[in-house]
Amino acid sequence: MTNDTGFQGLLEKLRTAPELYTLLSVCTKEPYVVCDPETFDDEIALFFEEEDAKKEAARLAGEKIPVGVMRMENRQMLPFYTSLYTMGINALLVFDGGEKTPVQLGDFVRRRKNEDIPEGKVWVENPALHLTALYFLQDARRQPAQQMSQESRELQEELLAHFSKGRYIFPIRKDGKGVPLARLNNGDTYQPIFTDILEFQKFNKEDQLRAVVVDAAKIPQVLAKEAKGVLLNITGINLPLPIRRSAPAAAQTAAGAAAAESQESAGTPAENA
């Protein structure tokens, strides 16, 4: 247990380190997250030394948990910490000189209040869904040939429950040529959607898309007619979710119906504490 002076020193070291390392799950392409058995924090590991990160990755590999080591430069750290909020991750486990110190994300990176969102913008974020998807896919994709465990089934049910209550970002082409679509390995076509603006921006690097917001209940009505379902966070968890259409009106395209009642989405502001 660190004293207050030592803890503040650790926070300062986290802010000023020229580089840090973390573990990425091969199953999700996103930070490997665990639930602390004592505090129930949803946490990721951070390392000051690459060797320490590699040792932890090797330990997990021995447990058949596939992870890789990701290096971050200082300029990348604030956006990275901000993204943890949108994933529902609330804590860091910092490895430093043989010691492991838990750090609450809120003690280190402060989020601006919702009142700071520009007028006319909409806050879009689904941290509970995103977090449940990370846990589900870390388990389900680890040994895909095996029968799904009871824990995975429960996580899948929880994931679908969260999905049904959310609101999402649908990308629409700025040139008016409809919506982007993705074809899976089995040939089925799915429509990419996103849990938050950060995930949308990963996909929209060339700035050719506009973000509109759609509630989960209206997805069957605005889904592109050729799409079997939605593909959640295509550059990250890449999770296909089939959508059941209940009426002929569901054949409307997202370019038309979504745009008619959409609102622009806002960013995810954060700053160093």
C-alpha atoms as a PDB file:
ATOM      1  CA  MET A   1       0.000   0.000   0.000  1.00  0.00           C
ATOM      2  CA  THR A   2       1.480   3.344  -1.025  1.00  0.00           C
ATOM      3  CA  ASN A   3       1.335   6.442   1.171  1.00  0.00           C
ATOM      4  CA  ASP A   4      -0.256   9.669  -0.113  1.00  0.00           C
ATOM      5  CA  THR A   5       3.075  11.140  -1.202  1.00  0.00           C
ATOM      6  CA  GLY A   6       4.044   7.974  -3.026  1.00  0.00           C
ATOM      7  CA  PHE A   7       0.627   7.715  -4.658  1.00  0.00           C
ATOM      8  CA  GLN A   8       0.710  11.313  -5.890  1.00  0.00           C
ATOM      9  CA  GLY A   9       4.188  10.642  -7.215  1.00  0.00           C
ATOM     10  CA  LEU A  10       2.848   7.642  -9.114  1.00  0.00           C
ATOM     11  CA  LEU A  11       0.070   9.760 -10.653  1.00  0.00           C
ATOM     12  CA  GLU A  12       2.609  12.363 -11.718  1.00  0.00           C
ATOM     13  CA  LYS A  13       4.761   9.635 -13.223  1.00  0.00           C
ATOM     14  CA  LEU A  14       1.756   8.383 -15.183  1.00  0.00           C
ATOM     15  CA  ARG A  15       1.161  11.888 -16.551  1.00  0.00           C
ATOM     16  CA  THR A  16       4.757  12.591 -17.555  1.00  0.00           C
ATOM     17  CA  ALA A  17       6.128   9.192 -18.617  1.00  0.00           C
ATOM     18  CA  PRO A  18       7.433   9.375 -22.207  1.00  0.00           C
ATOM     19  CA  GLU A  19       5.798   6.024 -22.894  1.00  0.00           C
ATOM     20  CA  LEU A  20       3.580   3.424 -21.256  1.00  0.00           C
ATOM     21  CA  TYR A  21       2.548  -0.112 -22.134  1.00  0.00           C
ATOM     22  CA  THR A  22      -0.738  -1.951 -21.820  1.00  0.00           C
ATOM     23  CA  LEU A  23      -2.187  -5.311 -22.858  1.00  0.00           C
ATOM     24  CA  LEU A  24      -4.527  -5.690 -25.827  1.00  0.00           C
ATOM     25  CA  SER A  25      -6.875  -8.641 -26.084  1.00  0.00           C
ATOM     26  CA  VAL A  26      -6.449 -10.553 -29.337  1.00  0.00           C
ATOM     27  CA  CYS A  27     -10.160 -11.392 -29.094  1.00  0.00           C
ATOM     28  CA  THR A  28     -11.403  -7.784 -29.059  1.00  0.00           C
ATOM     29  CA  LYS A  29      -8.514  -5.624 -30.384  1.00  0.00           C
ATOM     30  CA  GLU A  30      -9.109  -3.485 -27.294  1.00  0.00           C
ATOM     31  CA  PRO A  31      -7.543  -3.297 -23.807  1.00  0.00           C
ATOM     32  CA  TYR A  32      -7.662  -6.572 -21.918  1.00  0.00           C
ATOM     33  CA  VAL A  33      -9.993  -5.979 -18.967  1.00  0.00           C
ATOM     34  CA  VAL A  34     -10.433  -7.988 -15.769  1.00  0.00           C
ATOM     35  CA  CYS A  35     -12.772  -7.689 -12.814  1.00  0.00           C
ATOM     36  CA  ASP A  36     -10.878  -7.366  -9.532  1.00  0.00           C
ATOM     37  CA  PRO A  37     -12.171 -10.204  -7.276  1.00  0.00           C
ATOM     38  CA  GLU A  38     -12.044  -8.032  -4.144  1.00  0.00           C
ATOM     39  CA  THR A  39     -13.060  -4.540  -5.262  1.00  0.00           C
ATOM     40  CA  PHE A  40     -15.028  -5.573  -8.387  1.00  0.00           C
ATOM     41  CA  ASP A  41     -13.304  -2.775 -10.288  1.00  0.00           C
ATOM     42  CA  ASP A  42     -13.169  -3.271 -14.038  1.00  0.00           C
ATOM     43  CA  GLU A  43      -9.485  -2.623 -14.617  1.00  0.00           C
ATOM     44  CA  ILE A  44      -6.705  -2.763 -17.184  1.00  0.00           C
ATOM     45  CA  ALA A  45      -2.972  -3.137 -16.581  1.00  0.00           C
ATOM     46  CA  LEU A  46      -0.462  -0.355 -17.249  1.00  0.00           C
ATOM     47  CA  PHE A  47       3.320  -0.788 -17.297  1.00  0.00           C
ATOM     48  CA  PHE A  48       6.255   1.622 -17.315  1.00  0.00           C
ATOM     49  CA  GLU A  49       8.615  -1.066 -18.638  1.00  0.00           C
ATOM     50  CA  GLU A  50       8.038  -3.129 -21.778  1.00  0.00           C
ATOM     51  CA  GLU A  51       9.671  -6.184 -20.196  1.00  0.00           C
ATOM     52  CA  ASP A  52       7.132  -6.177 -17.369  1.00  0.00           C
ATOM     53  CA  ALA A  53       4.302  -6.036 -19.899  1.00  0.00           C
ATOM     54  CA  LYS A  54       5.802  -8.931 -21.867  1.00  0.00           C
ATOM     55  CA  LYS A  55       6.117 -11.020 -18.693  1.00  0.00           C
ATOM     56  CA  GLU A  56       2.455 -10.461 -17.849  1.00  0.00           C
ATOM     57  CA  ALA A  57       1.450 -11.286 -21.433  1.00  0.00           C
ATOM     58  CA  ALA A  58       3.445 -14.529 -21.204  1.00  0.00           C
ATOM     59  CA  ARG A  59       1.755 -15.403 -17.906  1.00  0.00           C
ATOM     60  CA  LEU A  60      -1.667 -14.925 -19.470  1.00  0.00           C
ATOM     61  CA  ALA A  61      -0.629 -16.958 -22.518  1.00  0.00           C
ATOM     62  CA  GLY A  62       0.096 -19.806 -20.116  1.00  0.00           C
ATOM     63  CA  GLU A  63      -3.571 -19.578 -19.085  1.00  0.00           C
ATOM     64  CA  LYS A  64      -4.588 -19.639 -22.761  1.00  0.00           C
ATOM     65  CA  ILE A  65      -5.557 -15.965 -22.684  1.00  0.00           C
ATOM     66  CA  PRO A  66      -4.231 -14.347 -25.889  1.00  0.00           C
ATOM     67  CA  VAL A  67      -2.996 -10.777 -25.446  1.00  0.00           C
ATOM     68  CA  GLY A  68      -0.432  -8.537 -27.064  1.00  0.00           C
ATOM     69  CA  VAL A  69       1.628  -5.610 -25.762  1.00  0.00           C
ATOM     70  CA  MET A  70       0.778  -2.092 -26.957  1.00  0.00           C
ATOM     71  CA  ARG A  71       3.161   0.850 -26.586  1.00  0.00           C
ATOM     72  CA  MET A  72       1.767   4.360 -26.095  1.00  0.00           C
ATOM     73  CA  GLU A  73       3.620   7.626 -26.446  1.00  0.00           C
ATOM     74  CA  ASN A  74       2.815  10.436 -24.015  1.00  0.00           C
ATOM     75  CA  ARG A  75       0.719  12.340 -26.582  1.00  0.00           C
ATOM     76  CA  GLN A  76      -1.531   9.296 -26.985  1.00  0.00           C
ATOM     77  CA  MET A  77      -2.259   8.821 -23.299  1.00  0.00           C
ATOM     78  CA  LEU A  78      -5.098  11.298 -22.678  1.00  0.00           C
ATOM     79  CA  PRO A  79      -7.149  10.021 -25.653  1.00  0.00           C
ATOM     80  CA  PHE A  80      -6.486   6.480 -24.428  1.00  0.00           C
ATOM     81  CA  TYR A  81      -7.662   7.243 -20.872  1.00  0.00           C
ATOM     82  CA  THR A  82     -10.726   9.005 -22.291  1.00  0.00           C
ATOM     83  CA  SER A  83     -11.618   5.913 -24.301  1.00  0.00           C
ATOM     84  CA  LEU A  84     -11.607   3.815 -21.117  1.00  0.00           C
ATOM     85  CA  TYR A  85     -14.611   5.790 -19.836  1.00  0.00           C
ATOM     86  CA  THR A  86     -16.603   4.903 -22.938  1.00  0.00           C
ATOM     87  CA  MET A  87     -15.699   1.221 -22.425  1.00  0.00           C
ATOM     88  CA  GLY A  88     -16.969   1.205 -18.836  1.00  0.00           C
ATOM     89  CA  ILE A  89     -13.460   0.630 -17.444  1.00  0.00           C
ATOM     90  CA  ASN A  90     -13.027   2.428 -14.128  1.00  0.00           C
ATOM     91  CA  ALA A  91      -9.572   1.481 -12.824  1.00  0.00           C
ATOM     92  CA  LEU A  92      -5.906   0.985 -13.709  1.00  0.00           C
ATOM     93  CA  LEU A  93      -3.547  -1.571 -12.189  1.00  0.00           C
ATOM     94  CA  VAL A  94      -0.138   0.058 -12.463  1.00  0.00           C
ATOM     95  CA  PHE A  95       2.974  -2.154 -12.535  1.00  0.00           C
ATOM     96  CA  ASP A  96       6.030  -0.240 -11.344  1.00  0.00           C
ATOM     97  CA  GLY A  97       9.285  -1.645 -10.015  1.00  0.00           C
ATOM     98  CA  GLY A  98       7.833  -4.932  -8.860  1.00  0.00           C
ATOM     99  CA  GLU A  99       4.812  -3.279  -7.216  1.00  0.00           C
ATOM    100  CA  LYS A 100       1.211  -3.276  -8.404  1.00  0.00           C
ATOM    101  CA  THR A 101      -0.889  -0.245  -7.439  1.00  0.00           C
ATOM    102  CA  PRO A 102      -4.607   0.176  -8.194  1.00  0.00           C
ATOM    103  CA  VAL A 103      -5.601   3.634  -9.440  1.00  0.00           C
ATOM    104  CA  GLN A 104      -9.173   4.785  -9.924  1.00  0.00           C
ATOM    105  CA  LEU A 105      -9.579   6.334 -13.363  1.00  0.00           C
ATOM    106  CA  GLY A 106     -11.620   9.167 -11.845  1.00  0.00           C
ATOM    107  CA  ASP A 107      -8.701  10.093  -9.556  1.00  0.00           C
ATOM    108  CA  PHE A 108      -6.439  10.485 -12.532  1.00  0.00           C
ATOM    109  CA  VAL A 109      -8.499  11.689 -15.503  1.00  0.00           C
ATOM    110  CA  ARG A 110     -11.431  14.014 -14.942  1.00  0.00           C
ATOM    111  CA  ARG A 111     -14.375  14.170 -17.336  1.00  0.00           C
ATOM    112  CA  ARG A 112     -16.047  17.448 -18.132  1.00  0.00           C
ATOM    113  CA  LYS A 113     -19.691  17.753 -17.201  1.00  0.00           C
ATOM    114  CA  ASN A 114     -22.539  17.141 -19.632  1.00  0.00           C
ATOM    115  CA  GLU A 115     -23.389  20.842 -19.435  1.00  0.00           C
ATOM    116  CA  ASP A 116     -20.192  21.479 -21.404  1.00  0.00           C
ATOM    117  CA  ILE A 117     -21.566  19.697 -24.472  1.00  0.00           C
ATOM    118  CA  PRO A 118     -22.226  22.255 -27.250  1.00  0.00           C
ATOM    119  CA  GLU A 119     -25.854  23.158 -27.851  1.00  0.00           C
ATOM    120  CA  GLY A 120     -27.516  20.938 -30.437  1.00  0.00           C
ATOM    121  CA  LYS A 121     -25.155  18.032 -29.797  1.00  0.00           C
ATOM    122  CA  VAL A 122     -26.171  14.709 -28.264  1.00  0.00           C
ATOM    123  CA  TRP A 123     -24.175  12.612 -25.792  1.00  0.00           C
ATOM    124  CA  VAL A 124     -23.862   9.070 -27.176  1.00  0.00           C
ATOM    125  CA  GLU A 125     -22.179   6.479 -25.031  1.00  0.00           C
ATOM    126  CA  ASN A 126     -22.905   2.863 -24.054  1.00  0.00           C
ATOM    127  CA  PRO A 127     -20.294   1.907 -21.436  1.00  0.00           C
ATOM    128  CA  ALA A 128     -22.282  -0.943 -19.871  1.00  0.00           C
ATOM    129  CA  LEU A 129     -22.839  -2.546 -23.274  1.00  0.00           C
ATOM    130  CA  HIS A 130     -19.234  -1.992 -24.361  1.00  0.00           C
ATOM    131  CA  LEU A 131     -17.845  -3.475 -21.135  1.00  0.00           C
ATOM    132  CA  THR A 132     -20.132  -6.520 -21.256  1.00  0.00           C
ATOM    133  CA  ALA A 133     -19.132  -7.087 -24.893  1.00  0.00           C
ATOM    134  CA  LEU A 134     -15.446  -7.024 -23.908  1.00  0.00           C
ATOM    135  CA  TYR A 135     -15.940  -9.659 -21.210  1.00  0.00           C
ATOM    136  CA  PHE A 136     -18.176 -11.784 -23.444  1.00  0.00           C
ATOM    137  CA  LEU A 137     -15.830 -11.764 -26.436  1.00  0.00           C
ATOM    138  CA  GLN A 138     -12.670 -12.259 -24.354  1.00  0.00           C
ATOM    139  CA  ASP A 139     -14.213 -15.544 -23.260  1.00  0.00           C
ATOM    140  CA  ALA A 140     -16.249 -16.628 -26.287  1.00  0.00           C
ATOM    141  CA  ARG A 141     -13.508 -15.988 -28.890  1.00  0.00           C
ATOM    142  CA  ARG A 142     -10.701 -17.426 -26.789  1.00  0.00           C
ATOM    143  CA  GLN A 143     -11.627 -21.005 -27.712  1.00  0.00           C
ATOM    144  CA  PRO A 144     -14.331 -20.592 -30.377  1.00  0.00           C
ATOM    145  CA  ALA A 145     -14.587 -24.307 -31.175  1.00  0.00           C
ATOM    146  CA  GLN A 146     -15.716 -25.110 -27.640  1.00  0.00           C
ATOM    147  CA  GLN A 147     -19.297 -25.039 -26.444  1.00  0.00           C
ATOM    148  CA  MET A 148     -20.241 -21.710 -24.894  1.00  0.00           C
ATOM    149  CA  SER A 149     -19.871 -21.703 -21.107  1.00  0.00           C
ATOM    150  CA  GLN A 150     -22.696 -20.819 -18.749  1.00  0.00           C
ATOM    151  CA  GLU A 151     -20.863 -17.596 -17.881  1.00  0.00           C
ATOM    152  CA  SER A 152     -20.658 -16.663 -21.564  1.00  0.00           C
ATOM    153  CA  ARG A 153     -24.367 -17.352 -22.028  1.00  0.00           C
ATOM    154  CA  GLU A 154     -25.174 -15.061 -19.125  1.00  0.00           C
ATOM    155  CA  LEU A 155     -22.891 -12.357 -20.520  1.00  0.00           C
ATOM    156  CA  GLN A 156     -24.540 -12.730 -23.930  1.00  0.00           C
ATOM    157  CA  GLU A 157     -27.988 -12.240 -22.394  1.00  0.00           C
ATOM    158  CA  GLU A 158     -26.743  -9.199 -20.478  1.00  0.00           C
ATOM    159  CA  LEU A 159     -25.155  -7.805 -23.638  1.00  0.00           C
ATOM    160  CA  LEU A 160     -28.400  -8.086 -25.601  1.00  0.00           C
ATOM    161  CA  ALA A 161     -30.350  -6.479 -22.753  1.00  0.00           C
ATOM    162  CA  HIS A 162     -27.964  -3.498 -22.740  1.00  0.00           C
ATOM    163  CA  PHE A 163     -28.108  -3.267 -26.534  1.00  0.00           C
ATOM    164  CA  SER A 164     -31.891  -3.021 -26.551  1.00  0.00           C
ATOM    165  CA  LYS A 165     -31.779   0.049 -24.270  1.00  0.00           C
ATOM    166  CA  GLY A 166     -29.040   2.033 -26.039  1.00  0.00           C
ATOM    167  CA  ARG A 167     -28.702   4.697 -28.684  1.00  0.00           C
ATOM    168  CA  TYR A 168     -26.073   4.416 -31.377  1.00  0.00           C
ATOM    169  CA  ILE A 169     -24.173   6.313 -34.041  1.00  0.00           C
ATOM    170  CA  PHE A 170     -25.084   5.373 -37.611  1.00  0.00           C
ATOM    171  CA  PRO A 171     -22.628   6.582 -40.286  1.00  0.00           C
ATOM    172  CA  ILE A 172     -24.077   8.145 -43.438  1.00  0.00           C
ATOM    173  CA  ARG A 173     -21.979   9.143 -46.453  1.00  0.00           C
ATOM    174  CA  LYS A 174     -21.573  12.897 -46.814  1.00  0.00           C
ATOM    175  CA  ASP A 175     -21.789  12.568 -50.599  1.00  0.00           C
ATOM    176  CA  GLY A 176     -25.343  11.256 -50.323  1.00  0.00           C
ATOM    177  CA  LYS A 177     -24.490   7.793 -51.658  1.00  0.00           C
ATOM    178  CA  GLY A 178     -26.156   5.863 -48.854  1.00  0.00           C
ATOM    179  CA  VAL A 179     -24.480   4.078 -45.969  1.00  0.00           C
ATOM    180  CA  PRO A 180     -21.308   1.983 -45.585  1.00  0.00           C
ATOM    181  CA  LEU A 181     -21.879  -1.760 -45.438  1.00  0.00           C
ATOM    182  CA  ALA A 182     -19.629  -4.685 -44.510  1.00  0.00           C
ATOM    183  CA  ARG A 183     -19.624  -8.258 -45.792  1.00  0.00           C
ATOM    184  CA  LEU A 184     -18.797 -11.019 -43.316  1.00  0.00           C
ATOM    185  CA  ASN A 185     -16.797 -14.133 -44.160  1.00  0.00           C
ATOM    186  CA  ASN A 186     -20.039 -16.099 -44.562  1.00  0.00           C
ATOM    187  CA  GLY A 187     -21.252 -13.637 -47.213  1.00  0.00           C
ATOM    188  CA  ASP A 188     -23.869 -11.894 -45.072  1.00  0.00           C
ATOM    189  CA  THR A 189     -24.052  -8.092 -45.250  1.00  0.00           C
ATOM    190  CA  TYR A 190     -24.124  -6.015 -42.059  1.00  0.00           C
ATOM    191  CA  GLN A 191     -24.334  -2.285 -41.401  1.00  0.00           C
ATOM    192  CA  PRO A 192     -21.635  -0.756 -39.142  1.00  0.00           C
ATOM    193  CA  ILE A 193     -22.844   1.213 -36.117  1.00  0.00           C
ATOM    194  CA  PHE A 194     -20.942   2.594 -33.138  1.00  0.00           C
ATOM    195  CA  THR A 195     -21.328   2.826 -29.378  1.00  0.00           C
ATOM    196  CA  ASP A 196     -19.711   6.279 -29.133  1.00  0.00           C
ATOM    197  CA  ILE A 197     -18.007   9.045 -31.083  1.00  0.00           C
ATOM    198  CA  LEU A 198     -14.502   7.704 -30.450  1.00  0.00           C
ATOM    199  CA  GLU A 199     -15.364   4.404 -32.127  1.00  0.00           C
ATOM    200  CA  PHE A 200     -16.995   6.292 -35.005  1.00  0.00           C
ATOM    201  CA  GLN A 201     -13.887   8.433 -35.475  1.00  0.00           C
ATOM    202  CA  LYS A 202     -11.677   5.340 -35.777  1.00  0.00           C
ATOM    203  CA  PHE A 203     -13.808   4.301 -38.758  1.00  0.00           C
ATOM    204  CA  ASN A 204     -14.156   7.797 -40.221  1.00  0.00           C
ATOM    205  CA  LYS A 205     -10.458   8.661 -40.561  1.00  0.00           C
ATOM    206  CA  GLU A 206     -10.972  10.166 -44.031  1.00  0.00           C
ATOM    207  CA  ASP A 207     -13.900  12.306 -42.807  1.00  0.00           C
ATOM    208  CA  GLN A 208     -16.274  11.069 -45.499  1.00  0.00           C
ATOM    209  CA  LEU A 209     -19.092  10.147 -43.128  1.00  0.00           C
ATOM    210  CA  ARG A 210     -21.653  11.987 -41.030  1.00  0.00           C
ATOM    211  CA  ALA A 211     -22.728  10.676 -37.629  1.00  0.00           C
ATOM    212  CA  VAL A 212     -26.425  10.440 -36.794  1.00  0.00           C
ATOM    213  CA  VAL A 213     -28.022   9.031 -33.661  1.00  0.00           C
ATOM    214  CA  VAL A 214     -30.602   6.239 -33.633  1.00  0.00           C
ATOM    215  CA  ASP A 215     -32.319   4.627 -30.634  1.00  0.00           C
ATOM    216  CA  ALA A 216     -32.164   0.828 -30.475  1.00  0.00           C
ATOM    217  CA  ALA A 217     -35.937   0.491 -30.842  1.00  0.00           C
ATOM    218  CA  LYS A 218     -35.822   2.241 -34.240  1.00  0.00           C
ATOM    219  CA  ILE A 219     -32.947   0.251 -35.721  1.00  0.00           C
ATOM    220  CA  PRO A 220     -35.238  -2.237 -37.569  1.00  0.00           C
ATOM    221  CA  GLN A 221     -36.945   0.708 -39.267  1.00  0.00           C
ATOM    222  CA  VAL A 222     -33.774   2.426 -40.488  1.00  0.00           C
ATOM    223  CA  LEU A 223     -31.530  -0.540 -41.261  1.00  0.00           C
ATOM    224  CA  ALA A 224     -30.409  -0.750 -44.898  1.00  0.00           C
ATOM    225  CA  LYS A 225     -32.637  -3.239 -46.736  1.00  0.00           C
ATOM    226  CA  GLU A 226     -29.700  -5.456 -47.789  1.00  0.00           C
ATOM    227  CA  ALA A 227     -28.296  -5.691 -44.235  1.00  0.00           C
ATOM    228  CA  LYS A 228     -28.999  -8.745 -42.110  1.00  0.00           C
ATOM    229  CA  GLY A 229     -28.068  -6.817 -38.964  1.00  0.00           C
ATOM    230  CA  VAL A 230     -25.645  -4.347 -37.440  1.00  0.00           C
ATOM    231  CA  LEU A 231     -21.893  -4.643 -36.926  1.00  0.00           C
ATOM    232  CA  LEU A 232     -20.970  -3.025 -33.634  1.00  0.00           C
ATOM    233  CA  ASN A 233     -17.648  -1.101 -33.543  1.00  0.00           C
ATOM    234  CA  ILE A 234     -16.146  -2.611 -36.691  1.00  0.00           C
ATOM    235  CA  THR A 235     -12.577  -1.436 -35.945  1.00  0.00           C
ATOM    236  CA  GLY A 236     -12.699  -2.788 -32.376  1.00  0.00           C
ATOM    237  CA  ILE A 237     -14.890  -5.581 -31.029  1.00  0.00           C
ATOM    238  CA  ASN A 238     -16.402  -6.089 -34.513  1.00  0.00           C
ATOM    239  CA  LEU A 239     -19.529  -7.764 -33.131  1.00  0.00           C
ATOM    240  CA  PRO A 240     -22.288  -8.745 -35.607  1.00  0.00           C
ATOM    241  CA  LEU A 241     -25.826  -8.592 -34.214  1.00  0.00           C
ATOM    242  CA  PRO A 242     -28.681  -9.869 -36.409  1.00  0.00           C
ATOM    243  CA  ILE A 243     -31.738  -7.609 -36.415  1.00  0.00           C
ATOM    244  CA  ARG A 244     -35.277  -8.970 -36.748  1.00  0.00           C
ATOM    245  CA  ARG A 245     -37.494  -6.864 -38.979  1.00  0.00           C
ATOM    246  CA  SER A 246     -41.117  -6.763 -37.890  1.00  0.00           C
ATOM    247  CA  ALA A 247     -42.769  -4.767 -40.668  1.00  0.00           C
ATOM    248  CA  PRO A 248     -42.373  -3.896 -44.378  1.00  0.00           C
ATOM    249  CA  ALA A 249     -41.478  -0.361 -43.328  1.00  0.00           C
ATOM    250  CA  ALA A 250     -38.184  -1.756 -42.110  1.00  0.00           C
ATOM    251  CA  ALA A 251     -36.961  -1.746 -45.701  1.00  0.00           C
ATOM    252  CA  GLN A 252     -36.261   1.980 -45.470  1.00  0.00           C
ATOM    253  CA  THR A 253     -32.594   2.816 -45.675  1.00  0.00           C
ATOM    254  CA  ALA A 254     -30.693   4.479 -42.856  1.00  0.00           C
ATOM    255  CA  ALA A 255     -29.764   7.273 -45.235  1.00  0.00           C
ATOM    256  CA  GLY A 256     -33.411   8.299 -45.431  1.00  0.00           C
ATOM    257  CA  ALA A 257     -35.169   7.378 -42.211  1.00  0.00           C
ATOM    258  CA  ALA A 258     -32.271   7.949 -39.833  1.00  0.00           C
ATOM    259  CA  ALA A 259     -31.423  11.329 -41.296  1.00  0.00           C
ATOM    260  CA  ALA A 260     -35.023  12.452 -40.986  1.00  0.00           C
ATOM    261  CA  GLU A 261     -35.014  12.305 -37.209  1.00  0.00           C
ATOM    262  CA  SER A 262     -31.344  12.151 -36.315  1.00  0.00           C
ATOM    263  CA  GLN A 263     -29.331  14.411 -34.080  1.00  0.00           C
ATOM    264  CA  GLU A 264     -25.647  15.167 -34.323  1.00  0.00           C
ATOM    265  CA  SER A 265     -23.483  13.349 -31.794  1.00  0.00           C
ATOM    266  CA  ALA A 266     -21.070  14.986 -29.398  1.00  0.00           C
ATOM    267  CA  GLY A 267     -17.514  14.081 -28.466  1.00  0.00           C
ATOM    268  CA  THR A 268     -16.317  12.629 -25.201  1.00  0.00           C
ATOM    269  CA  PRO A 269     -14.513  15.375 -23.273  1.00  0.00           C
ATOM    270  CA  ALA A 270     -11.914  14.611 -20.626  1.00  0.00           C
ATOM    271  CA  GLU A 271      -8.866  16.219 -19.090  1.00  0.00           C
ATOM    272  CA  ASN A 272      -6.012  15.393 -16.752  1.00  0.00           C
ATOM    273  CA  ALA A 273      -6.963  15.631 -13.106  1.00  0.00           C
END
